[in-house]
Structure formats: structure tokens, C-alpha cells
């Protein structure tokens, strides 16, 4: 069993526990359901924004602890002030050290879209995301079949959430463009072994229909790479570890985005 399979197995256990504690109906009665989610497209393409989706991530299975001291509100505010188009917040606890409270804190502190970064496999998690105040969810093609992608993305759209579909190769891309998807993200990190290769984005960009926003994810560590990816056709760039691995992620983001 690889790490991705272990994460999904644990996620099924977590969802069963969550359903027993809080009903879907209770989630729908939460205060966040009265709030209209922000448009990812509007912020990603805004001329006064950088196209960067800046991520708050404490740790990962491949790197272990990345940053155990940074505060989510302070860091995400700095990301926003530096020109990030959106925020990505990990809510997986066991493998990435995130919590729902992290996303809630980021939402309360900012006025740009927030992505719930998690391993979404069940409709209940979509309602959870809306209840947390997320504007967007991530659907990972590597752990979902086309019918699941279609069902989860259509539900997200019913709840006014934006949908980012993540793919790692051409096979995943070609079978996964179903349902209500706003953006396609090419993850340059292989989730089976966590190796990274920026060429993955360049190899897949022209296979993504222009109807979708195009996002390159991971392995982006230099401002020059943003220019190359933008020239290739990408409008969005998800960056997490490059900022979070520093002592001051907010300062790292300001420096990076200031060079764009």
C-alpha cells in the first residue's frame, strides 16, 4: 500500500466518525452557508493579483515537519497582502497536520478565495467545506473515478463552490474532464512516491482545453518559473512548501511575489 492509498483508507475512517458526530443537515445550518463563496476565476485573472495560490501547510508525508510555529492567520494575511490570488489550506490532520480550524481562521482573516486542500472522496466532505467557509474544493483524479468526479463536482456547483481538478498525467486528464470543473491543476508532485518534476506541467498544458483555468502545482521555487509557466499557458500557480519551509513564510512570499 503506497502513501496515497494509506491516506484514502484513513480518510474513510475519518469521514465515518465525522458523520456520526455532525449530520449533513447540521452542516447546512452553519453560519458559513449564508455566505456567498468568492469566484476563483475573478481573483485568479485579476490584473492586480499574481495568479499565485499560496498554501499554508505544516507538514507532509515526504518532508515531515515543514513549519511547526507559523500562525495561519498571520501567514495567510501576508500572502494576501503580497498579491496572492487565492489561499490553499490543508485540513488533513494525520498526514499534513492541518485542521478545519486552520481554514476557518484563514477565511476570517482574508477576503480572497480559500481552497480546502484535502482528499475529497465523499459528498459529506463537500458540505463540510462549505460549512468551513471554503470557496473551492480540490478533487484529485488519482483517487477518484469519472463518476465520482462528476458527482462531487456537480454537488460543489450546487453549493456555489469552485472546483479545482488535480491531475498528474495524460491518462488522468483525459478520463476526468467531467462534471462541473472550473480549473485543472497539474500536480508536478507524484502522489505515489512524492517525487517532483516541473516538466509535467509543460507536457500537459496543451492537452487541457482552454475552457478551464490552468494551474501548475508544486515544484515552483523561482519567480522565473512563473514566467515560463505563464508563457506556456498557465494562469495559476500553487506554491506552498517554498514559502512554508522558511522561518517567515509571509516575508518569503512578499519577496517572491515582489519579483514577479
C-alpha atoms as a PDB file:
ATOM      1  CA  UNK A   1       0.000   0.000   0.000  1.00  0.00           C
ATOM      2  CA  UNK A   2       1.535   3.335  -1.072  1.00  0.00           C
ATOM      3  CA  UNK A   3       1.138   6.571   0.886  1.00  0.00           C
ATOM      4  CA  UNK A   4      -1.812   7.761  -1.195  1.00  0.00           C
ATOM      5  CA  UNK A   5      -3.680   4.525  -0.519  1.00  0.00           C
ATOM      6  CA  UNK A   6      -2.927   4.861   3.198  1.00  0.00           C
ATOM      7  CA  UNK A   7      -4.265   8.417   3.215  1.00  0.00           C
ATOM      8  CA  UNK A   8      -7.508   7.398   1.488  1.00  0.00           C
ATOM      9  CA  UNK A   9      -8.014   4.453   3.849  1.00  0.00           C
ATOM     10  CA  UNK A  10      -7.603   6.739   6.846  1.00  0.00           C
ATOM     11  CA  UNK A  11      -9.868   9.356   5.233  1.00  0.00           C
ATOM     12  CA  UNK A  12     -12.706   6.827   5.031  1.00  0.00           C
ATOM     13  CA  UNK A  13     -12.379   6.244   8.774  1.00  0.00           C
ATOM     14  CA  UNK A  14     -12.378   9.978   9.487  1.00  0.00           C
ATOM     15  CA  UNK A  15     -15.493  10.569   7.397  1.00  0.00           C
ATOM     16  CA  UNK A  16     -17.409   7.820   9.201  1.00  0.00           C
ATOM     17  CA  UNK A  17     -16.527   9.402  12.548  1.00  0.00           C
ATOM     18  CA  UNK A  18     -17.443  12.891  11.354  1.00  0.00           C
ATOM     19  CA  UNK A  19     -20.828  11.759  10.036  1.00  0.00           C
ATOM     20  CA  UNK A  20     -21.625  10.210  13.412  1.00  0.00           C
ATOM     21  CA  UNK A  21     -20.768  13.466  15.186  1.00  0.00           C
ATOM     22  CA  UNK A  22     -22.308  16.125  12.922  1.00  0.00           C
ATOM     23  CA  UNK A  23     -25.124  15.498  10.458  1.00  0.00           C
ATOM     24  CA  UNK A  24     -25.194  16.908   6.951  1.00  0.00           C
ATOM     25  CA  UNK A  25     -28.274  18.889   7.978  1.00  0.00           C
ATOM     26  CA  UNK A  26     -26.354  20.479  10.840  1.00  0.00           C
ATOM     27  CA  UNK A  27     -23.572  21.464   8.450  1.00  0.00           C
ATOM     28  CA  UNK A  28     -26.142  23.133   6.218  1.00  0.00           C
ATOM     29  CA  UNK A  29     -27.362  25.212   9.151  1.00  0.00           C
ATOM     30  CA  UNK A  30     -23.909  26.625   9.848  1.00  0.00           C
ATOM     31  CA  UNK A  31     -23.319  30.362   9.527  1.00  0.00           C
ATOM     32  CA  UNK A  32     -20.988  29.902   6.554  1.00  0.00           C
ATOM     33  CA  UNK A  33     -23.844  28.660   4.384  1.00  0.00           C
ATOM     34  CA  UNK A  34     -25.301  32.164   4.380  1.00  0.00           C
ATOM     35  CA  UNK A  35     -22.078  33.494   2.839  1.00  0.00           C
ATOM     36  CA  UNK A  36     -21.691  33.526  -0.947  1.00  0.00           C
ATOM     37  CA  UNK A  37     -18.373  31.937  -1.993  1.00  0.00           C
ATOM     38  CA  UNK A  38     -15.944  34.084  -3.958  1.00  0.00           C
ATOM     39  CA  UNK A  39     -15.211  33.495  -7.643  1.00  0.00           C
ATOM     40  CA  UNK A  40     -11.859  31.778  -8.190  1.00  0.00           C
ATOM     41  CA  UNK A  41     -11.768  32.893 -11.839  1.00  0.00           C
ATOM     42  CA  UNK A  42     -12.304  36.540 -10.923  1.00  0.00           C
ATOM     43  CA  UNK A  43      -9.430  36.616  -8.450  1.00  0.00           C
ATOM     44  CA  UNK A  44      -7.072  34.401 -10.453  1.00  0.00           C
ATOM     45  CA  UNK A  45      -7.331  36.650 -13.511  1.00  0.00           C
ATOM     46  CA  UNK A  46      -7.450  39.973 -11.643  1.00  0.00           C
ATOM     47  CA  UNK A  47      -4.733  42.295 -13.027  1.00  0.00           C
ATOM     48  CA  UNK A  48      -3.713  43.415  -9.539  1.00  0.00           C
ATOM     49  CA  UNK A  49      -3.096  39.806  -8.409  1.00  0.00           C
ATOM     50  CA  UNK A  50      -0.235  37.419  -9.184  1.00  0.00           C
ATOM     51  CA  UNK A  51      -2.098  34.215 -10.060  1.00  0.00           C
ATOM     52  CA  UNK A  52      -0.421  32.510  -7.112  1.00  0.00           C
ATOM     53  CA  UNK A  53      -2.401  30.180  -4.858  1.00  0.00           C
ATOM     54  CA  UNK A  54      -0.372  30.414  -1.671  1.00  0.00           C
ATOM     55  CA  UNK A  55      -0.580  27.407   0.616  1.00  0.00           C
ATOM     56  CA  UNK A  56      -0.496  27.003   4.373  1.00  0.00           C
ATOM     57  CA  UNK A  57       0.919  23.561   5.162  1.00  0.00           C
ATOM     58  CA  UNK A  58       2.557  22.442   8.399  1.00  0.00           C
ATOM     59  CA  UNK A  59       3.968  19.101   7.301  1.00  0.00           C
ATOM     60  CA  UNK A  60       3.804  16.407   4.632  1.00  0.00           C
ATOM     61  CA  UNK A  61       4.453  12.664   4.365  1.00  0.00           C
ATOM     62  CA  UNK A  62       7.520  13.265   2.195  1.00  0.00           C
ATOM     63  CA  UNK A  63       9.142  16.148   4.105  1.00  0.00           C
ATOM     64  CA  UNK A  64       7.902  15.574   7.643  1.00  0.00           C
ATOM     65  CA  UNK A  65       7.591  18.770   9.667  1.00  0.00           C
ATOM     66  CA  UNK A  66       7.851  21.810   7.397  1.00  0.00           C
ATOM     67  CA  UNK A  67       6.852  24.575   9.797  1.00  0.00           C
ATOM     68  CA  UNK A  68       5.505  23.987  13.287  1.00  0.00           C
ATOM     69  CA  UNK A  69       5.427  27.579  14.520  1.00  0.00           C
ATOM     70  CA  UNK A  70       3.750  29.720  11.839  1.00  0.00           C
ATOM     71  CA  UNK A  71       0.277  31.066  12.629  1.00  0.00           C
ATOM     72  CA  UNK A  72      -2.325  30.562   9.935  1.00  0.00           C
ATOM     73  CA  UNK A  73      -3.977  33.989  10.233  1.00  0.00           C
ATOM     74  CA  UNK A  74      -0.698  35.920  10.134  1.00  0.00           C
ATOM     75  CA  UNK A  75       0.772  33.908   7.282  1.00  0.00           C
ATOM     76  CA  UNK A  76      -2.323  33.980   5.083  1.00  0.00           C
ATOM     77  CA  UNK A  77      -2.798  37.711   5.658  1.00  0.00           C
ATOM     78  CA  UNK A  78       0.761  38.229   4.441  1.00  0.00           C
ATOM     79  CA  UNK A  79       0.086  36.035   1.405  1.00  0.00           C
ATOM     80  CA  UNK A  80      -2.999  38.127   0.616  1.00  0.00           C
ATOM     81  CA  UNK A  81      -1.187  41.449   1.100  1.00  0.00           C
ATOM     82  CA  UNK A  82       1.637  40.260  -1.180  1.00  0.00           C
ATOM     83  CA  UNK A  83      -0.774  39.717  -4.071  1.00  0.00           C
ATOM     84  CA  UNK A  84      -1.828  36.070  -3.862  1.00  0.00           C
ATOM     85  CA  UNK A  85      -4.949  35.346  -5.914  1.00  0.00           C
ATOM     86  CA  UNK A  86      -6.152  32.641  -3.543  1.00  0.00           C
ATOM     87  CA  UNK A  87      -5.187  30.645  -0.477  1.00  0.00           C
ATOM     88  CA  UNK A  88      -4.843  26.890  -0.091  1.00  0.00           C
ATOM     89  CA  UNK A  89      -5.264  25.470   3.402  1.00  0.00           C
ATOM     90  CA  UNK A  90      -4.601  21.841   4.334  1.00  0.00           C
ATOM     91  CA  UNK A  91      -7.335  20.333   6.503  1.00  0.00           C
ATOM     92  CA  UNK A  92      -5.953  16.782   6.682  1.00  0.00           C
ATOM     93  CA  UNK A  93      -4.672  16.170  10.207  1.00  0.00           C
ATOM     94  CA  UNK A  94      -2.904  12.807  10.306  1.00  0.00           C
ATOM     95  CA  UNK A  95      -0.622  13.280   7.310  1.00  0.00           C
ATOM     96  CA  UNK A  96      -0.376  17.066   6.871  1.00  0.00           C
ATOM     97  CA  UNK A  97      -1.027  18.499  10.334  1.00  0.00           C
ATOM     98  CA  UNK A  98      -3.966  20.627   9.221  1.00  0.00           C
ATOM     99  CA  UNK A  99      -7.415  21.137  10.746  1.00  0.00           C
ATOM    100  CA  UNK A 100     -10.769  22.629   9.877  1.00  0.00           C
ATOM    101  CA  UNK A 101      -9.912  25.415  12.333  1.00  0.00           C
ATOM    102  CA  UNK A 102      -6.999  26.422  10.087  1.00  0.00           C
ATOM    103  CA  UNK A 103      -9.313  27.004   7.149  1.00  0.00           C
ATOM    104  CA  UNK A 104     -11.844  28.834   9.306  1.00  0.00           C
ATOM    105  CA  UNK A 105      -9.089  31.104  10.625  1.00  0.00           C
ATOM    106  CA  UNK A 106      -7.808  31.826   7.117  1.00  0.00           C
ATOM    107  CA  UNK A 107     -11.329  32.597   5.932  1.00  0.00           C
ATOM    108  CA  UNK A 108     -11.976  35.008   8.798  1.00  0.00           C
ATOM    109  CA  UNK A 109      -8.681  36.817   8.226  1.00  0.00           C
ATOM    110  CA  UNK A 110      -8.922  37.293   4.438  1.00  0.00           C
ATOM    111  CA  UNK A 111     -11.088  38.480   1.561  1.00  0.00           C
ATOM    112  CA  UNK A 112      -9.736  36.264  -1.247  1.00  0.00           C
ATOM    113  CA  UNK A 113     -10.811  32.721  -2.220  1.00  0.00           C
ATOM    114  CA  UNK A 114      -9.801  29.844   0.045  1.00  0.00           C
ATOM    115  CA  UNK A 115      -9.276  26.302  -1.244  1.00  0.00           C
ATOM    116  CA  UNK A 116      -9.959  23.374   1.046  1.00  0.00           C
ATOM    117  CA  UNK A 117      -6.913  21.186   0.345  1.00  0.00           C
ATOM    118  CA  UNK A 118      -7.823  17.651   1.341  1.00  0.00           C
ATOM    119  CA  UNK A 119      -8.513  14.220  -0.071  1.00  0.00           C
ATOM    120  CA  UNK A 120     -12.153  14.534  -1.098  1.00  0.00           C
ATOM    121  CA  UNK A 121     -13.874  11.197  -1.643  1.00  0.00           C
ATOM    122  CA  UNK A 122     -17.352  11.640  -0.162  1.00  0.00           C
ATOM    123  CA  UNK A 123     -20.215  14.163  -0.658  1.00  0.00           C
ATOM    124  CA  UNK A 124     -20.180  14.810   3.092  1.00  0.00           C
ATOM    125  CA  UNK A 125     -16.772  16.489   2.721  1.00  0.00           C
ATOM    126  CA  UNK A 126     -18.208  18.950   0.197  1.00  0.00           C
ATOM    127  CA  UNK A 127     -20.808  20.045   2.754  1.00  0.00           C
ATOM    128  CA  UNK A 128     -18.010  20.253   5.328  1.00  0.00           C
ATOM    129  CA  UNK A 129     -16.020  22.532   3.042  1.00  0.00           C
ATOM    130  CA  UNK A 130     -18.983  24.864   2.608  1.00  0.00           C
ATOM    131  CA  UNK A 131     -19.566  24.882   6.374  1.00  0.00           C
ATOM    132  CA  UNK A 132     -15.920  25.816   6.983  1.00  0.00           C
ATOM    133  CA  UNK A 133     -16.207  28.812   4.685  1.00  0.00           C
ATOM    134  CA  UNK A 134     -14.207  27.416   1.773  1.00  0.00           C
ATOM    135  CA  UNK A 135     -14.722  28.905  -1.683  1.00  0.00           C
ATOM    136  CA  UNK A 136     -13.226  25.992  -3.563  1.00  0.00           C
ATOM    137  CA  UNK A 137     -12.551  22.272  -3.227  1.00  0.00           C
ATOM    138  CA  UNK A 138      -9.849  20.048  -4.671  1.00  0.00           C
ATOM    139  CA  UNK A 139     -10.717  16.830  -6.499  1.00  0.00           C
ATOM    140  CA  UNK A 140      -7.747  14.513  -7.076  1.00  0.00           C
ATOM    141  CA  UNK A 141      -8.133  12.362 -10.177  1.00  0.00           C
ATOM    142  CA  UNK A 142      -5.709   9.756  -8.822  1.00  0.00           C
ATOM    143  CA  UNK A 143      -8.186   8.733  -6.113  1.00  0.00           C
ATOM    144  CA  UNK A 144     -11.483   9.248  -7.963  1.00  0.00           C
ATOM    145  CA  UNK A 145     -13.156   7.629 -10.957  1.00  0.00           C
ATOM    146  CA  UNK A 146     -15.028   9.731 -13.563  1.00  0.00           C
ATOM    147  CA  UNK A 147     -18.440   9.074 -11.990  1.00  0.00           C
ATOM    148  CA  UNK A 148     -17.163  10.256  -8.597  1.00  0.00           C
ATOM    149  CA  UNK A 149     -15.597  13.363 -10.097  1.00  0.00           C
ATOM    150  CA  UNK A 150     -18.827  14.188 -11.879  1.00  0.00           C
ATOM    151  CA  UNK A 151     -20.960  13.650  -8.777  1.00  0.00           C
ATOM    152  CA  UNK A 152     -18.710  15.564  -6.378  1.00  0.00           C
ATOM    153  CA  UNK A 153     -18.112  18.467  -8.771  1.00  0.00           C
ATOM    154  CA  UNK A 154     -21.814  18.823  -9.563  1.00  0.00           C
ATOM    155  CA  UNK A 155     -22.620  18.867  -5.851  1.00  0.00           C
ATOM    156  CA  UNK A 156     -19.953  21.502  -5.293  1.00  0.00           C
ATOM    157  CA  UNK A 157     -21.503  23.646  -8.001  1.00  0.00           C
ATOM    158  CA  UNK A 158     -24.943  23.254  -6.402  1.00  0.00           C
ATOM    159  CA  UNK A 159     -23.361  24.664  -3.243  1.00  0.00           C
ATOM    160  CA  UNK A 160     -21.730  27.540  -5.203  1.00  0.00           C
ATOM    161  CA  UNK A 161     -18.220  26.157  -4.650  1.00  0.00           C
ATOM    162  CA  UNK A 162     -15.451  26.385  -7.238  1.00  0.00           C
ATOM    163  CA  UNK A 163     -13.779  23.115  -8.268  1.00  0.00           C
ATOM    164  CA  UNK A 164     -10.080  22.529  -8.939  1.00  0.00           C
ATOM    165  CA  UNK A 165      -9.413  19.146 -10.561  1.00  0.00           C
ATOM    166  CA  UNK A 166      -5.904  17.843  -9.967  1.00  0.00           C
ATOM    167  CA  UNK A 167      -4.194  15.510 -12.446  1.00  0.00           C
ATOM    168  CA  UNK A 168      -0.712  14.008 -12.649  1.00  0.00           C
ATOM    169  CA  UNK A 169      -0.586  12.558 -16.154  1.00  0.00           C
ATOM    170  CA  UNK A 170      -2.386  12.477 -19.502  1.00  0.00           C
ATOM    171  CA  UNK A 171      -4.432   9.377 -18.685  1.00  0.00           C
ATOM    172  CA  UNK A 172      -5.918  11.057 -15.604  1.00  0.00           C
ATOM    173  CA  UNK A 173      -6.611  14.231 -17.559  1.00  0.00           C
ATOM    174  CA  UNK A 174      -8.369  12.528 -20.456  1.00  0.00           C
ATOM    175  CA  UNK A 175     -10.712  10.495 -18.250  1.00  0.00           C
ATOM    176  CA  UNK A 176     -11.505  13.191 -15.698  1.00  0.00           C
ATOM    177  CA  UNK A 177     -12.881  16.215 -17.578  1.00  0.00           C
ATOM    178  CA  UNK A 178     -16.462  15.560 -16.495  1.00  0.00           C
ATOM    179  CA  UNK A 179     -18.965  17.396 -14.354  1.00  0.00           C
ATOM    180  CA  UNK A 180     -18.674  20.992 -13.167  1.00  0.00           C
ATOM    181  CA  UNK A 181     -14.964  21.782 -13.136  1.00  0.00           C
ATOM    182  CA  UNK A 182     -13.627  25.344 -13.079  1.00  0.00           C
ATOM    183  CA  UNK A 183      -9.893  24.728 -13.185  1.00  0.00           C
ATOM    184  CA  UNK A 184      -7.449  21.936 -13.955  1.00  0.00           C
ATOM    185  CA  UNK A 185      -4.331  21.726 -11.823  1.00  0.00           C
ATOM    186  CA  UNK A 186      -1.279  19.783 -12.975  1.00  0.00           C
ATOM    187  CA  UNK A 187       0.485  18.477  -9.895  1.00  0.00           C
ATOM    188  CA  UNK A 188       4.194  18.225 -10.578  1.00  0.00           C
ATOM    189  CA  UNK A 189       4.472  16.015  -7.490  1.00  0.00           C
ATOM    190  CA  UNK A 190       3.758  12.311  -7.950  1.00  0.00           C
ATOM    191  CA  UNK A 191       1.476  11.431  -5.027  1.00  0.00           C
ATOM    192  CA  UNK A 192       2.505   7.786  -5.128  1.00  0.00           C
ATOM    193  CA  UNK A 193       6.185   8.440  -4.378  1.00  0.00           C
ATOM    194  CA  UNK A 194       6.253  12.255  -3.874  1.00  0.00           C
ATOM    195  CA  UNK A 195       8.961  12.872  -6.480  1.00  0.00           C
ATOM    196  CA  UNK A 196       8.635  16.202  -8.346  1.00  0.00           C
ATOM    197  CA  UNK A 197       9.206  17.223 -11.956  1.00  0.00           C
ATOM    198  CA  UNK A 198       8.157  20.620 -13.340  1.00  0.00           C
ATOM    199  CA  UNK A 199       8.172  19.145 -16.844  1.00  0.00           C
ATOM    200  CA  UNK A 200       4.863  17.500 -16.024  1.00  0.00           C
ATOM    201  CA  UNK A 201       3.136  20.878 -16.367  1.00  0.00           C
ATOM    202  CA  UNK A 202       4.775  21.717 -19.680  1.00  0.00           C
ATOM    203  CA  UNK A 203       3.930  18.269 -21.048  1.00  0.00           C
ATOM    204  CA  UNK A 204       0.228  18.533 -20.184  1.00  0.00           C
ATOM    205  CA  UNK A 205      -0.669  22.206 -20.639  1.00  0.00           C
ATOM    206  CA  UNK A 206      -1.678  21.941 -24.297  1.00  0.00           C
ATOM    207  CA  UNK A 207      -3.864  18.921 -23.583  1.00  0.00           C
ATOM    208  CA  UNK A 208      -6.056  20.959 -21.211  1.00  0.00           C
ATOM    209  CA  UNK A 209      -8.966  22.612 -23.072  1.00  0.00           C
ATOM    210  CA  UNK A 210      -8.913  26.383 -22.846  1.00  0.00           C
ATOM    211  CA  UNK A 211     -12.406  26.325 -21.313  1.00  0.00           C
ATOM    212  CA  UNK A 212     -10.693  25.551 -17.999  1.00  0.00           C
ATOM    213  CA  UNK A 213      -8.390  27.714 -15.922  1.00  0.00           C
ATOM    214  CA  UNK A 214      -4.936  26.112 -15.958  1.00  0.00           C
ATOM    215  CA  UNK A 215      -2.962  25.784 -12.733  1.00  0.00           C
ATOM    216  CA  UNK A 216       0.538  24.404 -12.160  1.00  0.00           C
ATOM    217  CA  UNK A 217       1.071  22.922  -8.698  1.00  0.00           C
ATOM    218  CA  UNK A 218       4.247  22.187  -6.705  1.00  0.00           C
ATOM    219  CA  UNK A 219       7.942  22.304  -7.642  1.00  0.00           C
ATOM    220  CA  UNK A 220       7.773  26.083  -8.201  1.00  0.00           C
ATOM    221  CA  UNK A 221      10.675  27.670  -6.351  1.00  0.00           C
ATOM    222  CA  UNK A 222      11.794  30.593  -8.533  1.00  0.00           C
ATOM    223  CA  UNK A 223       9.899  33.641  -9.881  1.00  0.00           C
ATOM    224  CA  UNK A 224      11.399  32.921 -13.316  1.00  0.00           C
ATOM    225  CA  UNK A 225       9.493  29.626 -13.381  1.00  0.00           C
ATOM    226  CA  UNK A 226       6.216  31.542 -13.071  1.00  0.00           C
ATOM    227  CA  UNK A 227       7.081  33.476 -16.228  1.00  0.00           C
ATOM    228  CA  UNK A 228       7.862  30.275 -18.111  1.00  0.00           C
ATOM    229  CA  UNK A 229       4.661  28.604 -16.967  1.00  0.00           C
ATOM    230  CA  UNK A 230       2.593  31.686 -17.823  1.00  0.00           C
ATOM    231  CA  UNK A 231       4.116  31.790 -21.307  1.00  0.00           C
ATOM    232  CA  UNK A 232       3.183  28.119 -21.721  1.00  0.00           C
ATOM    233  CA  UNK A 233      -0.472  28.884 -20.943  1.00  0.00           C
ATOM    234  CA  UNK A 234      -0.921  28.602 -17.184  1.00  0.00           C
ATOM    235  CA  UNK A 235      -2.858  31.272 -15.284  1.00  0.00           C
ATOM    236  CA  UNK A 236      -2.469  29.877 -11.760  1.00  0.00           C
ATOM    237  CA  UNK A 237       0.484  28.673  -9.697  1.00  0.00           C
ATOM    238  CA  UNK A 238       0.092  26.797  -6.415  1.00  0.00           C
ATOM    239  CA  UNK A 239       3.036  27.332  -4.077  1.00  0.00           C
ATOM    240  CA  UNK A 240       3.268  26.022  -0.541  1.00  0.00           C
ATOM    241  CA  UNK A 241       6.446  24.367   0.600  1.00  0.00           C
ATOM    242  CA  UNK A 242       8.679  27.065  -0.906  1.00  0.00           C
ATOM    243  CA  UNK A 243       7.168  29.641   1.458  1.00  0.00           C
ATOM    244  CA  UNK A 244       6.349  27.427   4.433  1.00  0.00           C
ATOM    245  CA  UNK A 245       9.835  25.938   4.773  1.00  0.00           C
ATOM    246  CA  UNK A 246      11.230  29.353   5.747  1.00  0.00           C
ATOM    247  CA  UNK A 247      11.244  30.899   9.212  1.00  0.00           C
ATOM    248  CA  UNK A 248       8.892  33.651   7.975  1.00  0.00           C
ATOM    249  CA  UNK A 249       6.581  32.368   5.209  1.00  0.00           C
ATOM    250  CA  UNK A 250       4.902  35.750   4.852  1.00  0.00           C
ATOM    251  CA  UNK A 251       8.220  37.503   4.218  1.00  0.00           C
ATOM    252  CA  UNK A 252       9.246  34.789   1.769  1.00  0.00           C
ATOM    253  CA  UNK A 253       6.000  35.307  -0.130  1.00  0.00           C
ATOM    254  CA  UNK A 254       6.454  39.079  -0.216  1.00  0.00           C
ATOM    255  CA  UNK A 255       9.954  38.707  -1.603  1.00  0.00           C
ATOM    256  CA  UNK A 256       8.913  36.111  -4.199  1.00  0.00           C
ATOM    257  CA  UNK A 257       5.836  37.961  -5.434  1.00  0.00           C
ATOM    258  CA  UNK A 258       7.672  41.251  -5.408  1.00  0.00           C
ATOM    259  CA  UNK A 259       9.975  39.863  -8.099  1.00  0.00           C
ATOM    260  CA  UNK A 260       7.137  38.973 -10.468  1.00  0.00           C
END
